[in-house]
Protein backbone atom coordinates (compact mmCIF):
# COMPACT_ATOMS: atom_id res chain seq x y z
CA MET A 1 -110.58 -125.13 -42.33
CA LYS A 2 -110.46 -126.28 -45.85
CA SER A 3 -111.67 -130.06 -45.92
CA SER A 4 -108.57 -132.55 -46.34
CA ASN A 5 -108.52 -136.45 -46.74
CA ILE A 6 -106.23 -139.12 -45.21
CA ILE A 7 -105.91 -142.06 -47.59
CA LEU A 8 -104.23 -144.89 -45.97
CA ALA A 9 -105.10 -147.45 -48.86
CA LEU A 10 -104.49 -148.11 -52.01
CA MET A 11 -107.03 -145.78 -54.18
CA SER A 12 -109.40 -147.35 -56.59
CA ALA A 13 -108.44 -146.35 -60.47
CA ALA A 14 -112.12 -145.27 -60.63
CA ALA A 15 -111.56 -142.03 -59.13
CA LEU A 16 -109.84 -140.97 -62.53
CA ALA A 17 -111.42 -137.80 -63.62
CA SER A 18 -112.46 -138.00 -67.11
CA CYS A 19 -111.18 -135.66 -69.52
CA ALA A 20 -114.30 -135.72 -71.80
CA GLN A 21 -115.58 -132.69 -70.32
CA GLN A 22 -112.26 -130.63 -71.44
CA PRO A 23 -112.37 -128.71 -74.75
CA VAL A 24 -109.89 -130.56 -77.32
CA ASN A 25 -108.95 -129.66 -80.87
CA GLU A 26 -107.33 -132.88 -82.08
CA ALA A 27 -106.52 -131.90 -85.94
CA ALA A 28 -103.53 -129.62 -84.76
CA GLU A 29 -100.32 -131.64 -83.39
CA PRO A 30 -99.43 -129.89 -80.08
CA ALA A 31 -96.19 -128.15 -80.00
CA VAL A 32 -93.20 -129.16 -78.32
CA TYR A 33 -90.39 -126.35 -76.97
CA ARG A 34 -86.89 -128.02 -76.69
CA ASN A 35 -84.53 -126.75 -74.31
CA VAL A 36 -85.57 -123.21 -73.50
CA GLU A 37 -82.70 -121.04 -71.92
CA PHE A 38 -84.33 -119.13 -68.91
CA ALA A 39 -81.46 -118.61 -66.95
CA GLU A 40 -77.67 -118.59 -66.56
CA ALA A 41 -76.72 -119.42 -63.16
CA PRO A 42 -73.23 -119.18 -61.18
CA THR A 43 -71.49 -122.23 -59.87
CA VAL A 44 -69.12 -122.88 -57.54
CA ASN A 45 -66.37 -123.35 -59.57
CA GLY A 46 -66.72 -119.91 -60.69
CA GLY A 47 -68.19 -120.61 -63.82
CA THR A 48 -71.96 -120.74 -65.16
CA LYS A 49 -74.71 -123.29 -65.89
CA THR A 50 -77.48 -123.15 -68.76
CA LEU A 51 -80.62 -123.90 -67.18
CA ASN A 52 -83.38 -124.71 -70.03
CA ILE A 53 -86.99 -125.57 -69.68
CA ASN A 54 -89.05 -128.24 -72.12
CA ILE A 55 -92.28 -127.16 -72.60
CA TRP A 56 -94.97 -129.93 -73.77
CA LYS A 57 -98.56 -128.20 -75.17
CA GLY A 58 -101.56 -130.14 -74.34
CA VAL A 59 -104.36 -130.77 -76.88
CA GLY A 60 -107.31 -128.05 -76.87
CA GLU A 61 -107.64 -124.25 -76.63
CA GLU A 62 -105.42 -121.82 -75.27
CA PRO A 63 -104.24 -120.57 -72.84
CA GLN A 64 -103.51 -123.70 -70.63
CA PRO A 65 -103.07 -124.65 -67.23
CA VAL A 66 -99.41 -125.85 -66.46
CA VAL A 67 -97.59 -128.63 -64.35
CA LEU A 68 -93.96 -128.29 -63.74
CA PHE A 69 -92.30 -130.96 -62.90
CA VAL A 70 -89.17 -131.17 -61.22
CA HIS A 71 -86.91 -134.48 -61.84
CA GLY A 72 -85.23 -136.24 -59.62
CA GLY A 73 -81.72 -137.92 -58.91
CA ALA A 74 -80.45 -136.99 -55.21
CA TRP A 75 -79.55 -133.63 -56.79
CA VAL A 76 -76.54 -135.09 -58.37
CA SER A 77 -78.13 -136.41 -61.51
CA GLY A 78 -81.39 -136.45 -64.08
CA ASP A 79 -82.66 -134.33 -66.37
CA ASN A 80 -86.02 -132.50 -68.15
CA LYS A 81 -86.64 -135.36 -71.12
CA LEU A 82 -89.84 -136.27 -69.74
CA ASP A 83 -91.32 -138.19 -73.13
CA THR A 84 -88.31 -140.34 -72.90
CA ALA A 85 -88.73 -141.31 -69.19
CA GLY A 86 -90.42 -144.36 -67.44
CA GLY A 87 -92.49 -144.76 -64.46
CA GLU A 88 -95.95 -144.79 -63.87
CA GLN A 89 -96.29 -140.94 -62.46
CA ILE A 90 -94.35 -139.81 -65.33
CA GLN A 91 -96.72 -141.28 -68.01
CA ALA A 92 -99.70 -140.31 -66.09
CA LEU A 93 -98.71 -136.39 -66.12
CA MET A 94 -97.87 -136.80 -69.89
CA GLU A 95 -100.87 -138.32 -70.44
CA LEU A 96 -102.93 -135.15 -69.52
CA ARG A 97 -101.75 -133.56 -72.32
CA GLU A 98 -104.99 -134.88 -73.79
CA CYS A 99 -106.66 -133.06 -71.30
CA GLY A 100 -105.37 -129.53 -72.69
CA VAL A 101 -102.67 -129.48 -69.98
CA THR A 102 -99.13 -127.96 -70.74
CA VAL A 103 -96.62 -129.79 -69.07
CA ALA A 104 -93.06 -128.29 -68.28
CA ALA A 105 -89.86 -129.30 -67.16
CA ALA A 106 -86.91 -127.48 -65.69
CA THR A 107 -83.02 -128.33 -65.25
CA TYR A 108 -81.64 -126.99 -62.14
CA ARG A 109 -77.97 -126.94 -60.56
CA PHE A 110 -76.96 -129.85 -58.94
CA SER A 111 -75.22 -130.01 -55.72
CA GLY A 112 -71.30 -130.36 -56.71
CA GLU A 113 -72.22 -126.92 -58.51
CA ALA A 114 -74.15 -125.18 -55.91
CA ILE A 115 -75.34 -125.70 -52.74
CA PHE A 116 -79.06 -125.18 -51.44
CA PRO A 117 -80.82 -122.76 -51.74
CA ALA A 118 -79.46 -122.61 -55.73
CA GLN A 119 -81.81 -125.72 -56.30
CA ILE A 120 -84.91 -123.68 -55.31
CA HIS A 121 -83.66 -120.89 -56.77
CA ASP A 122 -83.76 -122.27 -60.30
CA VAL A 123 -87.11 -123.95 -59.88
CA LYS A 124 -88.66 -120.46 -58.77
CA ALA A 125 -87.18 -118.64 -61.68
CA ALA A 126 -88.50 -121.65 -63.79
CA ILE A 127 -91.76 -120.77 -62.68
CA ARG A 128 -91.26 -116.81 -63.05
CA PHE A 129 -90.07 -117.66 -66.68
CA LEU A 130 -93.53 -119.28 -67.31
CA LYS A 131 -95.30 -116.73 -66.20
CA ALA A 132 -93.39 -113.57 -67.87
CA ASN A 133 -93.79 -115.56 -71.02
CA ALA A 134 -97.11 -117.02 -70.64
CA GLU A 135 -98.42 -115.10 -74.10
CA THR A 136 -95.69 -116.55 -76.14
CA TYR A 137 -96.29 -120.24 -75.05
CA GLY A 138 -100.16 -119.83 -74.76
CA ILE A 139 -100.43 -120.90 -70.84
CA ASP A 140 -102.35 -119.51 -67.84
CA PRO A 141 -100.05 -117.57 -65.41
CA GLN A 142 -103.03 -118.26 -62.73
CA ARG A 143 -102.84 -121.89 -63.16
CA ILE A 144 -99.28 -123.26 -62.72
CA MET A 145 -98.99 -126.01 -60.15
CA THR A 146 -95.70 -128.29 -59.45
CA MET A 147 -94.85 -132.29 -59.15
CA GLY A 148 -91.92 -133.98 -58.77
CA GLU A 149 -90.49 -137.30 -57.55
CA SER A 150 -87.52 -137.96 -54.82
CA ALA A 151 -85.41 -134.73 -54.91
CA GLY A 152 -87.20 -133.21 -57.19
CA SER A 153 -90.35 -133.45 -55.07
CA GLN A 154 -88.94 -132.05 -52.22
CA MET A 155 -87.81 -128.77 -54.18
CA ALA A 156 -91.49 -128.96 -55.87
CA LEU A 157 -93.32 -129.17 -52.66
CA LEU A 158 -91.08 -126.49 -51.11
CA ALA A 159 -91.63 -124.13 -53.86
CA ALA A 160 -95.63 -124.30 -53.13
CA VAL A 161 -95.04 -123.87 -49.34
CA SER A 162 -92.51 -120.88 -49.55
CA ASN A 163 -95.34 -118.65 -51.98
CA GLY A 164 -94.17 -115.08 -51.03
CA GLU A 165 -90.91 -116.08 -49.36
CA GLU A 166 -88.40 -113.71 -50.37
CA GLU A 167 -85.32 -116.07 -49.39
CA MET A 168 -86.75 -118.53 -51.09
CA GLU A 169 -87.02 -116.50 -54.37
CA GLY A 170 -83.57 -115.59 -55.19
CA THR A 171 -82.92 -113.61 -58.58
CA ILE A 172 -81.41 -115.94 -60.96
CA GLY A 173 -82.88 -115.46 -64.54
CA GLY A 174 -84.54 -112.37 -63.44
CA ASN A 175 -88.46 -111.23 -64.48
CA LEU A 176 -89.08 -110.42 -60.71
CA GLU A 177 -91.72 -108.21 -61.86
CA VAL A 178 -93.83 -111.63 -61.44
CA ASP A 179 -94.19 -113.95 -58.80
CA SER A 180 -93.55 -117.42 -58.65
CA ASP A 181 -96.77 -118.54 -56.47
CA VAL A 182 -98.45 -121.97 -57.65
CA ILE A 183 -101.77 -123.30 -56.94
CA GLY A 184 -101.02 -126.82 -55.86
CA CYS A 185 -98.44 -129.53 -55.61
CA VAL A 186 -98.02 -133.14 -56.10
CA ASP A 187 -95.36 -134.69 -54.13
CA CYS A 188 -94.52 -137.94 -54.58
CA TYR A 189 -91.83 -139.42 -52.19
CA GLY A 190 -90.19 -135.96 -51.20
CA MET A 191 -87.88 -135.55 -48.13
CA THR A 192 -90.03 -133.05 -46.12
CA ASP A 193 -87.92 -132.93 -43.04
CA PHE A 194 -84.35 -133.13 -43.20
CA LEU A 195 -83.44 -132.75 -39.30
CA THR A 196 -85.41 -135.68 -38.83
CA LEU A 197 -84.94 -137.96 -42.07
CA ALA A 198 -82.06 -139.99 -40.01
CA SER A 199 -84.45 -140.71 -37.31
CA ASP A 200 -86.87 -141.54 -38.97
CA LEU A 201 -85.07 -144.34 -40.91
CA TYR A 202 -83.22 -145.35 -37.58
CA ALA A 203 -87.09 -146.07 -36.58
CA ARG A 204 -87.87 -148.33 -39.34
CA PRO A 205 -85.59 -151.65 -38.81
CA ASP A 206 -88.81 -153.47 -40.93
CA LEU A 207 -87.09 -151.51 -43.98
CA GLY A 208 -84.00 -153.72 -43.59
CA ARG A 209 -81.47 -150.88 -43.48
CA THR A 210 -78.74 -151.27 -40.46
CA ASP A 211 -77.85 -148.30 -38.06
CA ALA A 212 -74.95 -148.02 -40.61
CA GLN A 213 -76.55 -148.20 -43.92
CA VAL A 214 -78.56 -145.03 -42.68
CA TYR A 215 -75.64 -143.19 -42.04
CA ASP A 216 -74.04 -143.79 -45.02
CA LEU A 217 -77.35 -142.46 -46.88
CA VAL A 218 -78.63 -139.34 -44.80
CA GLU A 219 -75.68 -138.55 -42.42
CA ALA A 220 -72.10 -139.07 -43.47
CA PRO A 221 -70.47 -136.03 -45.20
CA ASN A 222 -70.61 -137.95 -48.70
CA SER A 223 -74.02 -138.47 -48.83
CA SER A 224 -76.25 -136.40 -51.04
CA ARG A 225 -78.17 -135.20 -48.15
CA SER A 226 -75.10 -133.57 -46.51
CA GLN A 227 -73.42 -132.49 -49.82
CA LEU A 228 -77.03 -130.84 -50.56
CA PHE A 229 -76.48 -128.15 -47.86
CA GLY A 230 -72.42 -128.32 -48.68
CA LEU A 231 -71.97 -130.48 -45.16
CA THR A 232 -68.91 -132.56 -46.33
CA THR A 233 -66.67 -132.95 -43.27
CA GLU A 234 -66.49 -135.48 -40.74
CA GLU A 235 -67.18 -132.31 -37.86
CA CYS A 236 -69.95 -130.86 -39.99
CA ASN A 237 -72.39 -133.15 -42.09
CA LEU A 238 -75.99 -133.52 -41.61
CA GLY A 239 -75.67 -135.97 -38.92
CA THR A 240 -73.88 -133.92 -36.80
CA VAL A 241 -75.56 -130.50 -37.70
CA SER A 242 -79.06 -132.02 -36.87
CA LYS A 243 -77.80 -133.14 -33.30
CA ASN A 244 -76.47 -129.89 -32.49
CA PRO A 245 -78.30 -126.67 -33.40
CA LYS A 246 -76.35 -124.60 -30.85
CA LYS A 247 -73.12 -125.69 -32.41
CA PHE A 248 -74.35 -125.05 -36.24
CA PRO A 249 -76.52 -122.54 -35.80
CA GLN A 250 -76.12 -121.07 -39.66
CA GLU A 251 -75.57 -124.66 -40.93
CA TYR A 252 -78.95 -125.99 -38.81
CA ALA A 253 -81.11 -122.92 -40.59
CA ARG A 254 -79.86 -123.43 -43.67
CA VAL A 255 -80.95 -127.26 -43.42
CA LYS A 256 -84.36 -126.48 -41.91
CA ALA A 257 -84.81 -123.83 -44.55
CA GLY A 258 -84.70 -126.68 -47.08
CA SER A 259 -87.21 -128.93 -45.41
CA PRO A 260 -90.60 -127.97 -46.71
CA LEU A 261 -92.32 -128.95 -43.53
CA TYR A 262 -91.14 -126.08 -41.84
CA HIS A 263 -92.75 -123.91 -44.47
CA VAL A 264 -96.36 -124.71 -43.63
CA SER A 265 -98.77 -121.81 -43.28
CA PRO A 266 -102.47 -121.52 -43.92
CA ASP A 267 -102.49 -119.76 -47.11
CA ASP A 268 -100.49 -122.89 -48.96
CA PRO A 269 -102.23 -124.00 -52.07
CA PRO A 270 -103.91 -128.16 -52.06
CA ILE A 271 -101.27 -130.40 -51.91
CA LEU A 272 -101.15 -134.37 -52.96
CA ILE A 273 -98.61 -136.36 -50.74
CA ILE A 274 -97.82 -139.60 -52.22
CA ASN A 275 -95.35 -142.19 -50.29
CA GLY A 276 -94.54 -146.14 -50.45
CA GLN A 277 -94.32 -148.00 -47.03
CA LYS A 278 -91.57 -149.79 -48.20
CA ASP A 279 -89.29 -146.59 -48.95
CA ILE A 280 -85.99 -147.45 -48.12
CA ARG A 281 -84.86 -143.95 -49.18
CA VAL A 282 -87.71 -141.26 -47.91
CA PRO A 283 -89.83 -143.16 -45.02
CA SER A 284 -93.54 -142.64 -45.07
CA ALA A 285 -93.41 -140.87 -41.18
CA GLN A 286 -91.70 -137.84 -43.58
CA ALA A 287 -95.27 -137.93 -45.52
CA LEU A 288 -97.05 -138.15 -42.51
CA LYS A 289 -95.73 -135.63 -41.02
CA MET A 290 -96.48 -133.12 -43.79
CA TYR A 291 -99.75 -133.98 -43.89
CA GLN A 292 -100.32 -133.28 -40.31
CA ALA A 293 -98.88 -129.92 -40.42
CA LEU A 294 -100.51 -128.91 -43.50
CA TYR A 295 -104.07 -130.53 -41.63
CA ASP A 296 -103.33 -128.61 -38.60
CA ALA A 297 -102.89 -125.26 -40.57
CA GLY A 298 -106.14 -126.01 -42.04
CA VAL A 299 -104.42 -126.73 -46.06
CA GLU A 300 -106.44 -128.42 -48.44
CA ALA A 301 -104.41 -131.89 -48.71
CA GLU A 302 -104.62 -135.59 -49.50
CA ILE A 303 -102.34 -138.42 -48.26
CA LEU A 304 -101.79 -141.75 -50.29
CA LEU A 305 -99.42 -144.54 -48.76
CA ASN A 306 -99.31 -147.61 -50.66
CA ASP A 307 -98.19 -150.62 -48.63
CA ARG A 308 -96.62 -152.29 -51.15
CA ALA A 309 -94.30 -149.85 -52.79
CA PRO A 310 -90.93 -148.99 -52.37
CA HIS A 311 -88.93 -145.97 -53.58
CA GLY A 312 -89.80 -145.22 -57.05
CA ASN A 313 -92.75 -146.44 -59.19
CA LEU A 314 -96.27 -146.27 -57.04
CA GLY A 315 -98.76 -147.99 -59.10
CA ARG A 316 -101.65 -147.37 -61.31
CA GLU A 317 -103.69 -146.12 -58.43
CA SER A 318 -101.41 -143.47 -57.66
CA ALA A 319 -101.24 -142.44 -61.15
CA ALA A 320 -104.97 -141.96 -61.15
CA ALA A 321 -104.87 -140.47 -58.10
CA ILE A 322 -102.41 -137.80 -59.43
CA LYS A 323 -104.56 -137.41 -62.55
CA SER A 324 -107.45 -136.71 -60.49
CA PHE A 325 -106.28 -134.23 -58.66
CA ILE A 326 -104.31 -132.23 -61.00
CA LEU A 327 -107.46 -132.22 -63.29
CA ARG A 328 -109.64 -131.09 -60.34
CA ILE A 329 -106.91 -127.99 -59.34
CA LEU A 330 -106.59 -126.32 -62.58
CA PHE A 331 -109.91 -127.07 -63.60
CA PRO A 332 -112.12 -125.81 -60.85
CA GLN A 333 -115.06 -124.96 -62.62
CA GLU A 334 -115.26 -128.95 -62.89
CA LYS A 335 -115.63 -129.45 -59.11
CA GLU A 336 -118.50 -130.91 -58.32
């Protein structure tokens, strides 16, 4: 079994790995490529959505490893403009450019434009684009990992645990001659099991949500979770589907397919899971179940639960853990 660590308290900032050993060339300003089109994806209204990717090169030698960031926004909003985004996690990621890491962020179809699995198909298309154009952008196609926040983290995590799964791949954007495998993932408060998301929240009255509020957030037909899977009627929504798999077999299978927990296998790459104990949108039970599944499968996994953090900014200690983990995975020759 691969080594695994569980961290139930705040990590010390001392865990931050140094960039000093990474070769850099500060004379040249790293290149930035904005709004690079990588796919034209169909939408439910019969039109298309142009998907693009922003690429921020790191300083130093090429080819460089890459972290592909997937933005959050409940699958209904958000963008890939990381250099204008706030938050400790994104800031930590962008600072890794000083260590010779290229950072990329892609757009994807929102749930109102196409239901799942469109979103994971778009993320996989972005990964394939990076690999197919590695020489153009001076990146190492064998050293790509994913990272996300909230809804984006669900997709980043799903991309990591579905390496080689054809049904998760899709054909959007082409470049099918290359795979979409990644070598690691940072999961920041992403949903891991939609089938139990509501029950996990119902079990945490200490978070201050009433049962009615949990229903509106997760199970109701107009909730972003139901909309992601196209479950938007009073009869057929995330709540009814999760409780009645025999009545809604196809819908149940779709929800299960969108839950990273059910894709875990022994060949998954290393994963860092971070969640706040005060998160009222994605309860820490989701993180713990994912960690346990990875541990049981023998996958290298780390978990950091911040007992003070809500949904969103997880603080400096989490930022330090993110940097340390990414550098260890992308620069394995520096492992002690």
